[in-house]
């Protein structure tokens, strides 16, 4: 069987091209499994709004950022306040324990990636110069998550 001459396409050129392409495709698609999975519980919105009488309104939003999509369970937030204020809130579904700084807010689970947990609470008095630290904890795939922490002046 005669092969085409010049720059035309022939079986030999197709096989040569396929031999060079296959290794490149394998390298481009190989990713280590450790790099593709992470378990993150993150504060995405924390605000302190000053209200009348040195009463501060604090709100936070926690979000499940797990890859691959994994439930985060046993969630709790430790609220530490450098002053001597009292806590009001946050109410259902949060359960609050502790009679002073720190307070522990527990909420259960965030079943999927993108799910959020919101809390709104008050500390009175909240004095300029005092600090408030929120630290989130949880479990994913049977292991403890790295903590996510936010400190507000």
Protein backbone atom coordinates (compact mmCIF):
# COMPACT_ATOMS: atom_id res chain seq x y z
CA UNK A 1 0.00 0.00 0.00
CA UNK A 2 1.43 3.37 -0.97
CA UNK A 3 1.67 6.25 1.56
CA UNK A 4 0.92 9.85 0.68
CA UNK A 5 3.96 12.00 0.07
CA UNK A 6 4.70 15.51 1.37
CA UNK A 7 2.75 17.08 4.20
CA UNK A 8 -0.40 14.98 3.83
CA UNK A 9 -1.99 12.90 6.55
CA UNK A 10 -1.05 9.24 6.76
CA UNK A 11 -1.26 6.43 9.27
CA UNK A 12 2.31 6.93 10.48
CA UNK A 13 1.72 10.63 11.30
CA UNK A 14 -1.52 9.82 13.13
CA UNK A 15 0.26 7.19 15.25
CA UNK A 16 3.16 9.60 15.96
CA UNK A 17 0.68 12.30 17.04
CA UNK A 18 -1.22 9.86 19.27
CA UNK A 19 2.02 8.72 20.92
CA UNK A 20 2.88 12.32 21.88
CA UNK A 21 -0.65 13.28 22.94
CA UNK A 22 -1.40 10.41 25.36
CA UNK A 23 1.33 11.23 27.93
CA UNK A 24 0.37 14.92 27.91
CA UNK A 25 -3.28 14.10 28.62
CA UNK A 26 -2.33 11.81 31.52
CA UNK A 27 -0.11 14.48 33.10
CA UNK A 28 -2.78 17.18 32.73
CA UNK A 29 -5.50 15.12 34.43
CA UNK A 30 -3.46 13.64 37.30
CA UNK A 31 -4.22 15.34 40.64
CA UNK A 32 -3.30 14.06 44.07
CA UNK A 33 -6.32 13.09 46.18
CA UNK A 34 -5.00 14.97 49.23
CA UNK A 35 -4.99 18.28 47.36
CA UNK A 36 -8.56 17.83 46.19
CA UNK A 37 -10.18 17.47 49.63
CA UNK A 38 -10.41 20.07 52.36
CA UNK A 39 -12.83 20.66 55.16
CA UNK A 40 -13.51 24.29 55.96
CA UNK A 41 -15.99 25.96 58.28
CA UNK A 42 -15.58 29.67 57.72
CA UNK A 43 -17.03 32.95 58.99
CA UNK A 44 -18.21 34.77 55.87
CA UNK A 45 -19.89 37.77 57.51
CA UNK A 46 -19.24 39.12 61.02
CA UNK A 47 -20.53 42.54 62.05
CA UNK A 48 -20.68 44.55 65.24
CA UNK A 49 -23.28 47.31 65.13
CA UNK A 50 -23.17 49.88 67.90
CA UNK A 51 -26.59 50.53 69.33
CA UNK A 52 -27.73 52.94 72.00
CA UNK A 53 -26.40 52.62 75.54
CA UNK A 54 -23.15 50.81 74.66
CA UNK A 55 -25.15 47.73 73.65
CA UNK A 56 -23.55 45.98 70.71
CA UNK A 57 -25.49 43.91 68.21
CA UNK A 58 -23.26 41.17 66.79
CA UNK A 59 -24.10 38.89 63.90
CA UNK A 60 -22.18 36.17 62.16
CA UNK A 61 -22.66 33.79 59.28
CA UNK A 62 -20.82 30.47 59.18
CA UNK A 63 -20.57 28.56 55.91
CA UNK A 64 -19.71 24.98 55.01
CA UNK A 65 -16.94 25.07 52.38
CA UNK A 66 -16.13 21.36 52.06
CA UNK A 67 -14.58 19.72 49.04
CA UNK A 68 -15.83 17.15 48.22
CA UNK A 69 -19.32 17.96 49.54
CA UNK A 70 -19.27 16.67 53.13
CA UNK A 71 -21.54 17.27 56.12
CA UNK A 72 -20.04 19.25 58.98
CA UNK A 73 -21.38 18.07 62.34
CA UNK A 74 -21.03 18.96 66.03
CA UNK A 75 -20.65 22.65 65.21
CA UNK A 76 -20.05 25.11 68.00
CA UNK A 77 -18.80 28.67 68.27
CA UNK A 78 -16.80 29.92 71.23
CA UNK A 79 -17.51 33.61 71.94
CA UNK A 80 -14.85 35.32 74.06
CA UNK A 81 -15.32 38.93 75.18
CA UNK A 82 -12.55 40.90 76.91
CA UNK A 83 -15.03 43.05 78.85
CA UNK A 84 -17.56 42.16 81.51
CA UNK A 85 -20.74 42.41 79.48
CA UNK A 86 -23.76 40.16 79.58
CA UNK A 87 -25.04 38.15 76.65
CA UNK A 88 -28.55 38.21 75.19
CA UNK A 89 -29.50 35.83 72.40
CA UNK A 90 -28.90 34.29 69.93
CA UNK A 91 -31.97 32.07 70.27
CA UNK A 92 -33.17 29.10 68.26
CA UNK A 93 -31.54 26.97 66.80
CA UNK A 94 -28.45 27.87 68.86
CA UNK A 95 -28.02 26.50 72.36
CA UNK A 96 -25.89 28.71 74.61
CA UNK A 97 -23.81 27.37 77.51
CA UNK A 98 -21.41 29.17 79.82
CA UNK A 99 -22.20 31.97 82.23
CA UNK A 100 -19.55 34.37 81.00
CA UNK A 101 -16.73 34.74 78.61
CA UNK A 102 -16.40 32.37 76.91
CA UNK A 103 -19.92 31.51 75.89
CA UNK A 104 -20.43 28.42 73.72
CA UNK A 105 -23.07 28.48 70.96
CA UNK A 106 -23.87 24.99 69.65
CA UNK A 107 -25.86 24.36 66.51
CA UNK A 108 -25.61 20.81 65.23
CA UNK A 109 -24.91 20.35 61.53
CA UNK A 110 -24.34 22.00 58.16
CA UNK A 111 -25.21 19.08 55.85
CA UNK A 112 -23.74 20.26 52.53
CA UNK A 113 -21.27 22.55 50.86
CA UNK A 114 -22.74 26.06 50.79
CA UNK A 115 -25.03 25.58 53.80
CA UNK A 116 -24.92 28.40 56.33
CA UNK A 117 -25.66 29.03 60.00
CA UNK A 118 -26.58 32.55 61.16
CA UNK A 119 -26.66 34.05 64.65
CA UNK A 120 -27.63 37.46 66.00
CA UNK A 121 -26.90 38.34 69.63
CA UNK A 122 -26.21 41.28 71.93
CA UNK A 123 -23.51 42.10 74.49
CA UNK A 124 -24.11 44.88 76.99
CA UNK A 125 -22.14 46.90 77.82
CA UNK A 126 -19.77 46.74 74.88
CA UNK A 127 -17.05 49.30 75.57
CA UNK A 128 -14.73 50.86 72.98
CA UNK A 129 -11.38 49.11 73.13
CA UNK A 130 -12.85 45.75 74.19
CA UNK A 131 -12.36 42.80 71.85
CA UNK A 132 -14.66 40.01 70.80
CA UNK A 133 -13.30 36.73 69.40
CA UNK A 134 -15.46 34.14 67.65
CA UNK A 135 -13.93 30.71 67.04
CA UNK A 136 -15.81 27.99 65.13
CA UNK A 137 -15.29 24.26 65.58
CA UNK A 138 -16.81 21.23 63.88
CA UNK A 139 -16.26 17.69 62.62
CA UNK A 140 -16.17 16.36 59.04
CA UNK A 141 -15.50 12.78 57.94
CA UNK A 142 -14.87 11.84 61.56
CA UNK A 143 -12.01 14.34 61.96
CA UNK A 144 -11.89 17.71 63.68
CA UNK A 145 -11.83 20.71 61.37
CA UNK A 146 -9.24 23.42 61.55
CA UNK A 147 -10.68 26.26 63.58
CA UNK A 148 -11.90 29.46 62.00
CA UNK A 149 -11.45 32.53 64.16
CA UNK A 150 -12.36 36.22 63.90
CA UNK A 151 -11.39 38.95 66.36
CA UNK A 152 -13.19 42.27 66.35
CA UNK A 153 -11.82 45.44 67.91
